[in-house]
Amino acid sequence: MEPPFTKNRLTALLFDCLSLGSPVGRLIVCLLGMGVLTFVDIGSLGLPDFCLWEKLVGYCPADGTMRALNALLKGKLLLAIEYNKNVLLTTPIITGIVLSDLIEIYRRITGGQKIKSERRN
């Protein structure tokens, strides 16, 4: 039996964490993004307001999405909807991705066993 963290396994684990195609990588990126949006006030950063879509077409459907997610993570649902109504669509999608990745990580850790629910008769 080989040690749990040989060079090849460690490299594979690192690649798995950095790859957005893996559940671990997506979970890390989502949690980091949510952490930043929760603790940093996007409006106070002084970022330039430049959108290529708005410059070319005159309208950007994603305008205000970062502010909306920021407000939503701080518990301000009505303000989030005011910034951008797309938050009503993106929030369930992001939540679904995080939950499915957590289930996949659990299955990988337990060796493919399904989550057992206790039934009482």
C-alpha atoms as a PDB file:
ATOM      1  CA  MET A   1       0.000   0.000   0.000  1.00  0.00           C
ATOM      2  CA  GLU A   2       1.423   3.369  -0.996  1.00  0.00           C
ATOM      3  CA  PRO A   3       1.516   6.365   1.345  1.00  0.00           C
ATOM      4  CA  PRO A   4      -1.553   8.633   1.102  1.00  0.00           C
ATOM      5  CA  PHE A   5       0.366  11.660  -0.214  1.00  0.00           C
ATOM      6  CA  THR A   6       2.958  10.594  -2.716  1.00  0.00           C
ATOM      7  CA  LYS A   7       4.192  13.090  -5.282  1.00  0.00           C
ATOM      8  CA  ASN A   8       1.734  11.883  -7.939  1.00  0.00           C
ATOM      9  CA  ARG A   9      -1.280  11.920  -5.618  1.00  0.00           C
ATOM     10  CA  LEU A  10      -0.358  15.354  -4.287  1.00  0.00           C
ATOM     11  CA  THR A  11       0.025  16.684  -7.827  1.00  0.00           C
ATOM     12  CA  ALA A  12      -3.332  15.176  -8.787  1.00  0.00           C
ATOM     13  CA  LEU A  13      -4.981  16.721  -5.712  1.00  0.00           C
ATOM     14  CA  LEU A  14      -3.474  20.132  -6.480  1.00  0.00           C
ATOM     15  CA  PHE A  15      -4.585  19.929 -10.124  1.00  0.00           C
ATOM     16  CA  ASP A  16      -8.053  18.839  -8.996  1.00  0.00           C
ATOM     17  CA  CYS A  17      -8.316  21.878  -6.699  1.00  0.00           C
ATOM     18  CA  LEU A  18      -7.163  24.312  -9.391  1.00  0.00           C
ATOM     19  CA  SER A  19      -9.318  22.892 -12.166  1.00  0.00           C
ATOM     20  CA  LEU A  20     -12.749  24.463 -12.529  1.00  0.00           C
ATOM     21  CA  GLY A  21     -13.876  21.227 -14.137  1.00  0.00           C
ATOM     22  CA  SER A  22     -13.719  19.461 -10.797  1.00  0.00           C
ATOM     23  CA  PRO A  23     -16.134  19.732  -7.883  1.00  0.00           C
ATOM     24  CA  VAL A  24     -13.338  20.729  -5.496  1.00  0.00           C
ATOM     25  CA  GLY A  25     -12.133  23.536  -7.769  1.00  0.00           C
ATOM     26  CA  ARG A  26     -15.630  24.904  -8.361  1.00  0.00           C
ATOM     27  CA  LEU A  27     -16.401  24.764  -4.643  1.00  0.00           C
ATOM     28  CA  ILE A  28     -13.200  26.638  -3.766  1.00  0.00           C
ATOM     29  CA  VAL A  29     -13.911  29.349  -6.357  1.00  0.00           C
ATOM     30  CA  CYS A  30     -17.561  29.721  -5.266  1.00  0.00           C
ATOM     31  CA  LEU A  31     -16.682  29.926  -1.573  1.00  0.00           C
ATOM     32  CA  LEU A  32     -13.868  32.411  -2.177  1.00  0.00           C
ATOM     33  CA  GLY A  33     -16.122  34.535  -4.372  1.00  0.00           C
ATOM     34  CA  MET A  34     -18.929  34.481  -1.826  1.00  0.00           C
ATOM     35  CA  GLY A  35     -16.460  35.349   0.928  1.00  0.00           C
ATOM     36  CA  VAL A  36     -15.134  38.338  -0.978  1.00  0.00           C
ATOM     37  CA  LEU A  37     -18.638  39.534  -1.874  1.00  0.00           C
ATOM     38  CA  THR A  38     -19.771  39.139   1.729  1.00  0.00           C
ATOM     39  CA  PHE A  39     -16.964  41.073   3.397  1.00  0.00           C
ATOM     40  CA  VAL A  40     -15.976  43.629   0.733  1.00  0.00           C
ATOM     41  CA  ASP A  41     -18.233  46.513  -0.216  1.00  0.00           C
ATOM     42  CA  ILE A  42     -18.064  46.499  -4.024  1.00  0.00           C
ATOM     43  CA  GLY A  43     -19.240  50.119  -4.292  1.00  0.00           C
ATOM     44  CA  SER A  44     -16.359  51.426  -2.188  1.00  0.00           C
ATOM     45  CA  LEU A  45     -13.636  49.909  -4.371  1.00  0.00           C
ATOM     46  CA  GLY A  46     -13.828  52.672  -6.975  1.00  0.00           C
ATOM     47  CA  LEU A  47     -13.711  50.257  -9.894  1.00  0.00           C
ATOM     48  CA  PRO A  48     -14.315  51.785 -13.332  1.00  0.00           C
ATOM     49  CA  ASP A  49     -17.825  51.363 -14.685  1.00  0.00           C
ATOM     50  CA  PHE A  50     -16.974  49.946 -18.106  1.00  0.00           C
ATOM     51  CA  CYS A  51     -19.080  47.380 -19.908  1.00  0.00           C
ATOM     52  CA  LEU A  52     -18.362  46.404 -23.497  1.00  0.00           C
ATOM     53  CA  TRP A  53     -21.993  45.315 -24.070  1.00  0.00           C
ATOM     54  CA  GLU A  54     -23.306  48.643 -22.868  1.00  0.00           C
ATOM     55  CA  LYS A  55     -20.861  50.532 -25.096  1.00  0.00           C
ATOM     56  CA  LEU A  56     -21.731  48.460 -28.196  1.00  0.00           C
ATOM     57  CA  VAL A  57     -25.441  47.762 -27.754  1.00  0.00           C
ATOM     58  CA  GLY A  58     -26.515  50.399 -25.249  1.00  0.00           C
ATOM     59  CA  TYR A  59     -27.838  47.874 -22.731  1.00  0.00           C
ATOM     60  CA  CYS A  60     -26.168  45.249 -20.557  1.00  0.00           C
ATOM     61  CA  PRO A  61     -28.342  42.498 -19.018  1.00  0.00           C
ATOM     62  CA  ALA A  62     -25.645  41.753 -16.430  1.00  0.00           C
ATOM     63  CA  ASP A  63     -25.360  45.349 -15.234  1.00  0.00           C
ATOM     64  CA  GLY A  64     -25.491  45.376 -11.429  1.00  0.00           C
ATOM     65  CA  THR A  65     -25.060  41.628 -10.941  1.00  0.00           C
ATOM     66  CA  MET A  66     -22.013  41.981  -8.661  1.00  0.00           C
ATOM     67  CA  ARG A  67     -23.772  44.604  -6.542  1.00  0.00           C
ATOM     68  CA  ALA A  68     -26.880  42.399  -6.442  1.00  0.00           C
ATOM     69  CA  LEU A  69     -24.949  39.330  -5.278  1.00  0.00           C
ATOM     70  CA  ASN A  70     -23.115  41.512  -2.746  1.00  0.00           C
ATOM     71  CA  ALA A  71     -26.420  42.787  -1.345  1.00  0.00           C
ATOM     72  CA  LEU A  72     -27.948  39.294  -1.366  1.00  0.00           C
ATOM     73  CA  LEU A  73     -25.048  37.807   0.610  1.00  0.00           C
ATOM     74  CA  LYS A  74     -25.542  40.559   3.176  1.00  0.00           C
ATOM     75  CA  GLY A  75     -29.214  39.601   3.510  1.00  0.00           C
ATOM     76  CA  LYS A  76     -30.689  42.530   1.563  1.00  0.00           C
ATOM     77  CA  LEU A  77     -32.968  40.711  -0.887  1.00  0.00           C
ATOM     78  CA  LEU A  78     -35.028  43.711  -2.039  1.00  0.00           C
ATOM     79  CA  LEU A  79     -31.905  45.790  -2.705  1.00  0.00           C
ATOM     80  CA  ALA A  80     -30.404  42.861  -4.635  1.00  0.00           C
ATOM     81  CA  ILE A  81     -33.509  42.644  -6.839  1.00  0.00           C
ATOM     82  CA  GLU A  82     -33.382  46.393  -7.366  1.00  0.00           C
ATOM     83  CA  TYR A  83     -29.779  46.175  -8.590  1.00  0.00           C
ATOM     84  CA  ASN A  84     -30.465  43.312 -10.994  1.00  0.00           C
ATOM     85  CA  LYS A  85     -33.383  40.906 -11.274  1.00  0.00           C
ATOM     86  CA  ASN A  86     -31.028  38.241 -12.654  1.00  0.00           C
ATOM     87  CA  VAL A  87     -30.049  37.521  -9.048  1.00  0.00           C
ATOM     88  CA  LEU A  88     -33.332  35.579  -8.786  1.00  0.00           C
ATOM     89  CA  LEU A  89     -32.004  33.257 -11.503  1.00  0.00           C
ATOM     90  CA  THR A  90     -28.307  33.105 -10.634  1.00  0.00           C
ATOM     91  CA  THR A  91     -28.741  32.401  -6.916  1.00  0.00           C
ATOM     92  CA  PRO A  92     -30.561  29.043  -7.317  1.00  0.00           C
ATOM     93  CA  ILE A  93     -28.102  28.019 -10.036  1.00  0.00           C
ATOM     94  CA  ILE A  94     -25.055  28.796  -7.874  1.00  0.00           C
ATOM     95  CA  THR A  95     -26.696  27.077  -4.889  1.00  0.00           C
ATOM     96  CA  GLY A  96     -27.406  23.989  -7.003  1.00  0.00           C
ATOM     97  CA  ILE A  97     -23.819  23.841  -8.245  1.00  0.00           C
ATOM     98  CA  VAL A  98     -22.442  24.126  -4.704  1.00  0.00           C
ATOM     99  CA  LEU A  99     -24.808  21.447  -3.365  1.00  0.00           C
ATOM    100  CA  SER A 100     -24.107  19.008  -6.200  1.00  0.00           C
ATOM    101  CA  ASP A 101     -20.362  19.533  -5.752  1.00  0.00           C
ATOM    102  CA  LEU A 102     -20.646  18.897  -2.007  1.00  0.00           C
ATOM    103  CA  ILE A 103     -22.512  15.645  -2.713  1.00  0.00           C
ATOM    104  CA  GLU A 104     -19.884  14.601  -5.272  1.00  0.00           C
ATOM    105  CA  ILE A 105     -17.038  15.365  -2.848  1.00  0.00           C
ATOM    106  CA  TYR A 106     -18.827  13.353  -0.149  1.00  0.00           C
ATOM    107  CA  ARG A 107     -19.183  10.398  -2.539  1.00  0.00           C
ATOM    108  CA  ARG A 108     -15.502  10.586  -3.455  1.00  0.00           C
ATOM    109  CA  ILE A 109     -14.462  10.660   0.206  1.00  0.00           C
ATOM    110  CA  THR A 110     -16.693   7.729   1.148  1.00  0.00           C
ATOM    111  CA  GLY A 111     -15.650   5.666  -1.860  1.00  0.00           C
ATOM    112  CA  GLY A 112     -18.823   6.001  -3.906  1.00  0.00           C
ATOM    113  CA  GLN A 113     -21.269   5.091  -1.171  1.00  0.00           C
ATOM    114  CA  LYS A 114     -24.581   6.831  -1.350  1.00  0.00           C
ATOM    115  CA  ILE A 115     -25.886   8.958   1.491  1.00  0.00           C
ATOM    116  CA  LYS A 116     -27.959   6.715   3.755  1.00  0.00           C
ATOM    117  CA  SER A 117     -31.084   8.007   5.363  1.00  0.00           C
ATOM    118  CA  GLU A 118     -32.355   6.435   8.529  1.00  0.00           C
ATOM    119  CA  ARG A 119     -35.913   5.201   8.292  1.00  0.00           C
ATOM    120  CA  ARG A 120     -38.003   4.602  11.344  1.00  0.00           C
ATOM    121  CA  ASN A 121     -40.758   2.047  11.220  1.00  0.00           C
END
